[in-house]
PDB file of N, CA and C in Angstrom:
ATOM      1  N   UNK A   1       3.475  11.493  -5.622  1.00  0.00           N
ATOM      2  CA  UNK A   1       2.955  10.297  -6.257  1.00  0.00           C
ATOM      3  C   UNK A   1       2.737  10.616  -7.732  1.00  0.00           C
ATOM      4  N   UNK A   2       3.255   9.738  -8.599  1.00  0.00           N
ATOM      5  CA  UNK A   2       3.039   9.940 -10.027  1.00  0.00           C
ATOM      6  C   UNK A   2       1.930   9.057 -10.565  1.00  0.00           C
ATOM      7  N   UNK A   3       1.709   7.899  -9.933  1.00  0.00           N
ATOM      8  CA  UNK A   3       0.612   7.049 -10.388  1.00  0.00           C
ATOM      9  C   UNK A   3       0.229   6.044  -9.308  1.00  0.00           C
ATOM     10  N   UNK A   4      -1.017   5.597  -9.410  1.00  0.00           N
ATOM     11  CA  UNK A   4      -1.547   4.527  -8.574  1.00  0.00           C
ATOM     12  C   UNK A   4      -2.241   3.557  -9.527  1.00  0.00           C
ATOM     13  N   UNK A   5      -1.802   2.310  -9.518  1.00  0.00           N
ATOM     14  CA  UNK A   5      -2.367   1.314 -10.430  1.00  0.00           C
ATOM     15  C   UNK A   5      -3.055   0.210  -9.639  1.00  0.00           C
ATOM     16  N   UNK A   6      -4.236  -0.177 -10.077  1.00  0.00           N
ATOM     17  CA  UNK A   6      -4.950  -1.298  -9.481  1.00  0.00           C
ATOM     18  C   UNK A   6      -4.278  -2.579  -9.968  1.00  0.00           C
ATOM     19  N   UNK A   7      -3.425  -3.159  -9.132  1.00  0.00           N
ATOM     20  CA  UNK A   7      -2.639  -4.324  -9.498  1.00  0.00           C
ATOM     21  C   UNK A   7      -3.493  -5.589  -9.534  1.00  0.00           C
ATOM     22  N   UNK A   8      -4.536  -5.629  -8.744  1.00  0.00           N
ATOM     23  CA  UNK A   8      -5.426  -6.787  -8.666  1.00  0.00           C
ATOM     24  C   UNK A   8      -6.330  -6.621  -7.465  1.00  0.00           C
ATOM     25  N   UNK A   9      -7.170  -7.589  -7.197  1.00  0.00           N
ATOM     26  CA  UNK A   9      -8.059  -7.517  -6.047  1.00  0.00           C
ATOM     27  C   UNK A   9      -7.230  -7.343  -4.781  1.00  0.00           C
ATOM     28  N   UNK A  10      -7.519  -6.277  -4.042  1.00  0.00           N
ATOM     29  CA  UNK A  10      -6.847  -6.033  -2.771  1.00  0.00           C
ATOM     30  C   UNK A  10      -5.427  -5.517  -2.882  1.00  0.00           C
ATOM     31  N   UNK A  11      -4.993  -5.105  -4.069  1.00  0.00           N
ATOM     32  CA  UNK A  11      -3.625  -4.594  -4.233  1.00  0.00           C
ATOM     33  C   UNK A  11      -3.601  -3.368  -5.128  1.00  0.00           C
ATOM     34  N   UNK A  12      -2.782  -2.408  -4.731  1.00  0.00           N
ATOM     35  CA  UNK A  12      -2.475  -1.272  -5.602  1.00  0.00           C
ATOM     36  C   UNK A  12      -0.968  -1.060  -5.599  1.00  0.00           C
ATOM     37  N   UNK A  13      -0.444  -0.618  -6.742  1.00  0.00           N
ATOM     38  CA  UNK A  13       0.965  -0.273  -6.853  1.00  0.00           C
ATOM     39  C   UNK A  13       1.064   1.242  -6.939  1.00  0.00           C
ATOM     40  N   UNK A  14       1.839   1.824  -6.038  1.00  0.00           N
ATOM     41  CA  UNK A  14       2.020   3.272  -5.981  1.00  0.00           C
ATOM     42  C   UNK A  14       3.417   3.599  -6.497  1.00  0.00           C
ATOM     43  N   UNK A  15       3.499   4.529  -7.451  1.00  0.00           N
ATOM     44  CA  UNK A  15       4.781   5.003  -7.954  1.00  0.00           C
ATOM     45  C   UNK A  15       5.040   6.375  -7.345  1.00  0.00           C
ATOM     46  N   UNK A  16       6.191   6.517  -6.713  1.00  0.00           N
ATOM     47  CA  UNK A  16       6.556   7.718  -5.968  1.00  0.00           C
ATOM     48  C   UNK A  16       7.276   8.697  -6.899  1.00  0.00           C
ATOM     49  N   UNK A  17       6.911   9.973  -6.845  1.00  0.00           N
ATOM     50  CA  UNK A  17       7.483  10.977  -7.750  1.00  0.00           C
ATOM     51  C   UNK A  17       8.973  11.194  -7.507  1.00  0.00           C
ATOM     52  N   UNK A  18       9.384  11.357  -6.265  1.00  0.00           N
ATOM     53  CA  UNK A  18      10.795  11.541  -5.922  1.00  0.00           C
ATOM     54  C   UNK A  18      11.251  10.294  -5.174  1.00  0.00           C
ATOM     55  N   UNK A  19      12.063   9.480  -5.838  1.00  0.00           N
ATOM     56  CA  UNK A  19      12.494   8.214  -5.244  1.00  0.00           C
ATOM     57  C   UNK A  19      13.210   8.408  -3.918  1.00  0.00           C
ATOM     58  N   UNK A  20      13.074   7.403  -3.062  1.00  0.00           N
ATOM     59  CA  UNK A  20      13.915   7.335  -1.880  1.00  0.00           C
ATOM     60  C   UNK A  20      15.314   6.917  -2.332  1.00  0.00           C
ATOM     61  N   UNK A  21      16.325   7.115  -1.489  1.00  0.00           N
ATOM     62  CA  UNK A  21      17.704   6.814  -1.878  1.00  0.00           C
ATOM     63  C   UNK A  21      17.957   5.312  -2.019  1.00  0.00           C
ATOM     64  N   UNK A  22      17.107   4.475  -1.408  1.00  0.00           N
ATOM     65  CA  UNK A  22      17.208   3.017  -1.520  1.00  0.00           C
ATOM     66  C   UNK A  22      15.850   2.428  -1.140  1.00  0.00           C
ATOM     67  N   UNK A  23      15.781   1.111  -1.108  1.00  0.00           N
ATOM     68  CA  UNK A  23      14.546   0.442  -0.676  1.00  0.00           C
ATOM     69  C   UNK A  23      14.428   0.397   0.845  1.00  0.00           C
ATOM     70  N   UNK A  24      15.385   0.977   1.556  1.00  0.00           N
ATOM     71  CA  UNK A  24      15.390   0.965   3.025  1.00  0.00           C
ATOM     72  C   UNK A  24      14.705   2.201   3.595  1.00  0.00           C
ATOM     73  N   UNK A  25      13.414   2.331   3.339  1.00  0.00           N
ATOM     74  CA  UNK A  25      12.619   3.403   3.914  1.00  0.00           C
ATOM     75  C   UNK A  25      11.453   2.775   4.667  1.00  0.00           C
ATOM     76  N   UNK A  26      10.821   3.558   5.530  1.00  0.00           N
ATOM     77  CA  UNK A  26       9.783   3.016   6.408  1.00  0.00           C
ATOM     78  C   UNK A  26       8.390   3.430   5.938  1.00  0.00           C
ATOM     79  N   UNK A  27       7.635   2.506   5.352  1.00  0.00           N
ATOM     80  CA  UNK A  27       6.268   2.815   4.963  1.00  0.00           C
ATOM     81  C   UNK A  27       5.298   2.642   6.133  1.00  0.00           C
ATOM     82  N   UNK A  28       4.292   3.492   6.160  1.00  0.00           N
ATOM     83  CA  UNK A  28       3.177   3.362   7.097  1.00  0.00           C
ATOM     84  C   UNK A  28       1.923   3.276   6.238  1.00  0.00           C
ATOM     85  N   UNK A  29       1.150   2.214   6.392  1.00  0.00           N
ATOM     86  CA  UNK A  29      -0.001   1.998   5.520  1.00  0.00           C
ATOM     87  C   UNK A  29      -1.291   1.931   6.329  1.00  0.00           C
ATOM     88  N   UNK A  30      -2.387   2.299   5.669  1.00  0.00           N
ATOM     89  CA  UNK A  30      -3.705   2.191   6.284  1.00  0.00           C
ATOM     90  C   UNK A  30      -4.735   1.964   5.186  1.00  0.00           C
ATOM     91  N   UNK A  31      -5.890   1.477   5.577  1.00  0.00           N
ATOM     92  CA  UNK A  31      -6.998   1.305   4.649  1.00  0.00           C
ATOM     93  C   UNK A  31      -8.276   1.779   5.322  1.00  0.00           C
ATOM     94  N   UNK A  32      -9.252   2.126   4.522  1.00  0.00           N
ATOM     95  CA  UNK A  32     -10.556   2.528   5.040  1.00  0.00           C
ATOM     96  C   UNK A  32     -11.596   1.499   4.648  1.00  0.00           C
ATOM     97  N   UNK A  33     -12.513   1.226   5.550  1.00  0.00           N
ATOM     98  CA  UNK A  33     -13.627   0.329   5.220  1.00  0.00           C
ATOM     99  C   UNK A  33     -14.888   0.900   5.847  1.00  0.00           C
ATOM    100  N   UNK A  34     -16.011   0.597   5.239  1.00  0.00           N
ATOM    101  CA  UNK A  34     -17.285   1.056   5.795  1.00  0.00           C
ATOM    102  C   UNK A  34     -18.206  -0.147   5.917  1.00  0.00           C
ATOM    103  N   UNK A  35     -18.570  -0.471   7.151  1.00  0.00           N
ATOM    104  CA  UNK A  35     -19.415  -1.635   7.378  1.00  0.00           C
ATOM    105  C   UNK A  35     -18.727  -2.900   6.897  1.00  0.00           C
ATOM    106  N   UNK A  36     -19.416  -3.960   6.787  1.00  0.00           N
ATOM    107  CA  UNK A  36     -18.867  -5.195   6.249  1.00  0.00           C
ATOM    108  C   UNK A  36     -17.673  -5.698   7.034  1.00  0.00           C
ATOM    109  N   UNK A  37     -16.853  -6.464   6.358  1.00  0.00           N
ATOM    110  CA  UNK A  37     -15.707  -7.103   6.999  1.00  0.00           C
ATOM    111  C   UNK A  37     -14.627  -6.093   7.330  1.00  0.00           C
ATOM    112  N   UNK A  38     -14.033  -6.252   8.480  1.00  0.00           N
ATOM    113  CA  UNK A  38     -12.878  -5.446   8.852  1.00  0.00           C
ATOM    114  C   UNK A  38     -11.701  -5.924   8.029  1.00  0.00           C
ATOM    115  N   UNK A  39     -10.916  -5.040   7.533  1.00  0.00           N
ATOM    116  CA  UNK A  39      -9.785  -5.411   6.703  1.00  0.00           C
ATOM    117  C   UNK A  39      -8.481  -5.061   7.403  1.00  0.00           C
ATOM    118  N   UNK A  40      -7.456  -5.828   7.135  1.00  0.00           N
ATOM    119  CA  UNK A  40      -6.114  -5.526   7.629  1.00  0.00           C
ATOM    120  C   UNK A  40      -5.253  -5.143   6.432  1.00  0.00           C
ATOM    121  N   UNK A  41      -4.206  -4.385   6.694  1.00  0.00           N
ATOM    122  CA  UNK A  41      -3.378  -3.909   5.593  1.00  0.00           C
ATOM    123  C   UNK A  41      -1.920  -4.273   5.816  1.00  0.00           C
ATOM    124  N   UNK A  42      -1.218  -4.328   4.709  1.00  0.00           N
ATOM    125  CA  UNK A  42       0.192  -4.645   4.720  1.00  0.00           C
ATOM    126  C   UNK A  42       0.801  -4.070   3.443  1.00  0.00           C
ATOM    127  N   UNK A  43       2.052  -4.360   3.224  1.00  0.00           N
ATOM    128  CA  UNK A  43       2.718  -3.927   2.000  1.00  0.00           C
ATOM    129  C   UNK A  43       3.748  -4.967   1.612  1.00  0.00           C
ATOM    130  N   UNK A  44       4.137  -4.951   0.353  1.00  0.00           N
ATOM    131  CA  UNK A  44       5.226  -5.805  -0.104  1.00  0.00           C
ATOM    132  C   UNK A  44       5.892  -5.129  -1.295  1.00  0.00           C
ATOM    133  N   UNK A  45       6.950  -5.725  -1.774  1.00  0.00           N
ATOM    134  CA  UNK A  45       7.688  -5.202  -2.936  1.00  0.00           C
ATOM    135  C   UNK A  45       8.067  -3.737  -2.793  1.00  0.00           C
ATOM    136  N   UNK A  46       8.651  -3.382  -1.660  1.00  0.00           N
ATOM    137  CA  UNK A  46       9.106  -2.014  -1.449  1.00  0.00           C
ATOM    138  C   UNK A  46      10.386  -1.792  -2.254  1.00  0.00           C
ATOM    139  N   UNK A  47      10.397  -0.742  -3.057  1.00  0.00           N
ATOM    140  CA  UNK A  47      11.581  -0.345  -3.816  1.00  0.00           C
ATOM    141  C   UNK A  47      11.800   1.144  -3.580  1.00  0.00           C
ATOM    142  N   UNK A  48      12.859   1.694  -4.128  1.00  0.00           N
ATOM    143  CA  UNK A  48      13.151   3.115  -3.933  1.00  0.00           C
ATOM    144  C   UNK A  48      12.038   4.007  -4.488  1.00  0.00           C
ATOM    145  N   UNK A  49      11.363   3.554  -5.552  1.00  0.00           N
ATOM    146  CA  UNK A  49      10.356   4.394  -6.192  1.00  0.00           C
ATOM    147  C   UNK A  49       8.966   3.818  -6.272  1.00  0.00           C
ATOM    148  N   UNK A  50       8.742   2.633  -5.703  1.00  0.00           N
ATOM    149  CA  UNK A  50       7.403   2.029  -5.741  1.00  0.00           C
ATOM    150  C   UNK A  50       7.129   1.235  -4.474  1.00  0.00           C
ATOM    151  N   UNK A  51       5.839   0.993  -4.244  1.00  0.00           N
ATOM    152  CA  UNK A  51       5.395   0.124  -3.154  1.00  0.00           C
ATOM    153  C   UNK A  51       4.073  -0.497  -3.568  1.00  0.00           C
ATOM    154  N   UNK A  52       3.864  -1.749  -3.176  1.00  0.00           N
ATOM    155  CA  UNK A  52       2.578  -2.402  -3.384  1.00  0.00           C
ATOM    156  C   UNK A  52       1.875  -2.486  -2.038  1.00  0.00           C
ATOM    157  N   UNK A  53       0.647  -1.968  -1.972  1.00  0.00           N
ATOM    158  CA  UNK A  53      -0.168  -2.008  -0.762  1.00  0.00           C
ATOM    159  C   UNK A  53      -1.167  -3.158  -0.878  1.00  0.00           C
ATOM    160  N   UNK A  54      -1.349  -3.905   0.201  1.00  0.00           N
ATOM    161  CA  UNK A  54      -2.254  -5.058   0.237  1.00  0.00           C
ATOM    162  C   UNK A  54      -3.356  -4.832   1.270  1.00  0.00           C
ATOM    163  N   UNK A  55      -4.545  -5.343   0.985  1.00  0.00           N
ATOM    164  CA  UNK A  55      -5.662  -5.302   1.933  1.00  0.00           C
ATOM    165  C   UNK A  55      -6.257  -6.701   2.034  1.00  0.00           C
ATOM    166  N   UNK A  56      -6.487  -7.158   3.266  1.00  0.00           N
ATOM    167  CA  UNK A  56      -6.994  -8.508   3.517  1.00  0.00           C
ATOM    168  C   UNK A  56      -8.277  -8.442   4.329  1.00  0.00           C
ATOM    169  N   UNK A  57      -9.189  -9.395   4.060  1.00  0.00           N
ATOM    170  CA  UNK A  57     -10.338  -9.605   4.942  1.00  0.00           C
ATOM    171  C   UNK A  57      -9.819 -10.290   6.193  1.00  0.00           C
ATOM    172  N   UNK A  58     -10.205  -9.804   7.368  1.00  0.00           N
ATOM    173  CA  UNK A  58      -9.726 -10.435   8.594  1.00  0.00           C
ATOM    174  C   UNK A  58     -10.421 -11.768   8.857  1.00  0.00           C
ATOM    175  N   UNK A  59     -11.680 -11.891   8.461  1.00  0.00           N
ATOM    176  CA  UNK A  59     -12.401 -13.140   8.697  1.00  0.00           C
ATOM    177  C   UNK A  59     -11.960 -14.233   7.727  1.00  0.00           C
ATOM    178  N   UNK A  60     -11.555 -13.839   6.546  1.00  0.00           N
ATOM    179  CA  UNK A  60     -11.126 -14.780   5.510  1.00  0.00           C
ATOM    180  C   UNK A  60      -9.850 -14.204   4.921  1.00  0.00           C
ATOM    181  N   UNK A  61      -8.678 -14.706   5.307  1.00  0.00           N
ATOM    182  CA  UNK A  61      -7.420 -14.036   4.967  1.00  0.00           C
ATOM    183  C   UNK A  61      -7.045 -14.099   3.479  1.00  0.00           C
ATOM    184  N   UNK A  62      -7.895 -13.491   2.661  1.00  0.00           N
ATOM    185  CA  UNK A  62      -7.607 -13.360   1.237  1.00  0.00           C
ATOM    186  C   UNK A  62      -7.650 -11.878   0.886  1.00  0.00           C
ATOM    187  N   UNK A  63      -7.003 -11.517  -0.193  1.00  0.00           N
ATOM    188  CA  UNK A  63      -7.011 -10.117  -0.611  1.00  0.00           C
ATOM    189  C   UNK A  63      -8.430  -9.677  -0.945  1.00  0.00           C
ATOM    190  N   UNK A  64      -8.791  -8.464  -0.515  1.00  0.00           N
ATOM    191  CA  UNK A  64     -10.099  -7.885  -0.792  1.00  0.00           C
ATOM    192  C   UNK A  64      -9.981  -6.387  -0.933  1.00  0.00           C
ATOM    193  N   UNK A  65     -10.830  -5.790  -1.750  1.00  0.00           N
ATOM    194  CA  UNK A  65     -10.755  -4.353  -2.004  1.00  0.00           C
ATOM    195  C   UNK A  65     -11.358  -3.532  -0.866  1.00  0.00           C
ATOM    196  N   UNK A  66     -10.582  -2.614  -0.276  1.00  0.00           N
ATOM    197  CA  UNK A  66     -11.107  -1.721   0.751  1.00  0.00           C
ATOM    198  C   UNK A  66     -11.768  -0.504   0.096  1.00  0.00           C
ATOM    199  N   UNK A  67     -12.330   0.373   0.909  1.00  0.00           N
ATOM    200  CA  UNK A  67     -12.898   1.624   0.408  1.00  0.00           C
ATOM    201  C   UNK A  67     -11.785   2.558  -0.055  1.00  0.00           C
ATOM    202  N   UNK A  68     -10.670   2.590   0.693  1.00  0.00           N
ATOM    203  CA  UNK A  68      -9.556   3.466   0.330  1.00  0.00           C
ATOM    204  C   UNK A  68      -8.252   2.933   0.912  1.00  0.00           C
ATOM    205  N   UNK A  69      -7.157   3.383   0.327  1.00  0.00           N
ATOM    206  CA  UNK A  69      -5.811   3.081   0.824  1.00  0.00           C
ATOM    207  C   UNK A  69      -5.162   4.396   1.246  1.00  0.00           C
ATOM    208  N   UNK A  70      -4.214   4.314   2.171  1.00  0.00           N
ATOM    209  CA  UNK A  70      -3.411   5.477   2.537  1.00  0.00           C
ATOM    210  C   UNK A  70      -2.020   5.006   2.928  1.00  0.00           C
ATOM    211  N   UNK A  71      -1.023   5.845   2.680  1.00  0.00           N
ATOM    212  CA  UNK A  71       0.311   5.497   3.135  1.00  0.00           C
ATOM    213  C   UNK A  71       1.184   6.730   3.182  1.00  0.00           C
ATOM    214  N   UNK A  72       2.213   6.643   4.000  1.00  0.00           N
ATOM    215  CA  UNK A  72       3.262   7.665   4.044  1.00  0.00           C
ATOM    216  C   UNK A  72       4.578   6.925   4.119  1.00  0.00           C
ATOM    217  N   UNK A  73       5.651   7.619   3.769  1.00  0.00           N
ATOM    218  CA  UNK A  73       6.962   6.994   3.801  1.00  0.00           C
ATOM    219  C   UNK A  73       7.980   7.890   4.461  1.00  0.00           C
ATOM    220  N   UNK A  74       8.817   7.312   5.293  1.00  0.00           N
ATOM    221  CA  UNK A  74       9.863   8.050   5.997  1.00  0.00           C
ATOM    222  C   UNK A  74      11.220   7.507   5.567  1.00  0.00           C
ATOM    223  N   UNK A  75      12.125   8.396   5.163  1.00  0.00           N
ATOM    224  CA  UNK A  75      13.447   7.967   4.759  1.00  0.00           C
ATOM    225  C   UNK A  75      14.152   9.052   3.958  1.00  0.00           C
ATOM    226  N   UNK A  76      15.344   8.740   3.487  1.00  0.00           N
ATOM    227  CA  UNK A  76      16.148   9.674   2.700  1.00  0.00           C
ATOM    228  C   UNK A  76      15.731   9.629   1.236  1.00  0.00           C
ATOM    229  N   UNK A  77      15.582  10.811   0.648  1.00  0.00           N
ATOM    230  CA  UNK A  77      15.270  10.883  -0.778  1.00  0.00           C
ATOM    231  C   UNK A  77      16.538  10.984  -1.594  1.00  0.00           C
ATOM    232  N   UNK A  78      16.462  10.484  -2.796  1.00  0.00           N
ATOM    233  CA  UNK A  78      17.627  10.503  -3.703  1.00  0.00           C
ATOM    234  C   UNK A  78      17.987  11.931  -4.078  1.00  0.00           C
TER     235      UNK A  78
END
């Protein structure tokens, strides 16, 4: 990982140090929360070298900031 940018409420953009060979790689995402609303996670805008991670409140399906984000990626590197 070369950088993590706070893209907005409930979103971060992760830039990957060694790009995948294409946007066809398999991301696995997770988020951490402590107390409060349970959050669900997803991703969008997957590219060879970046991914945007999203976190949603389950009770109110809008983006919300979790305690932490986590992800791994499986696929061929360039």
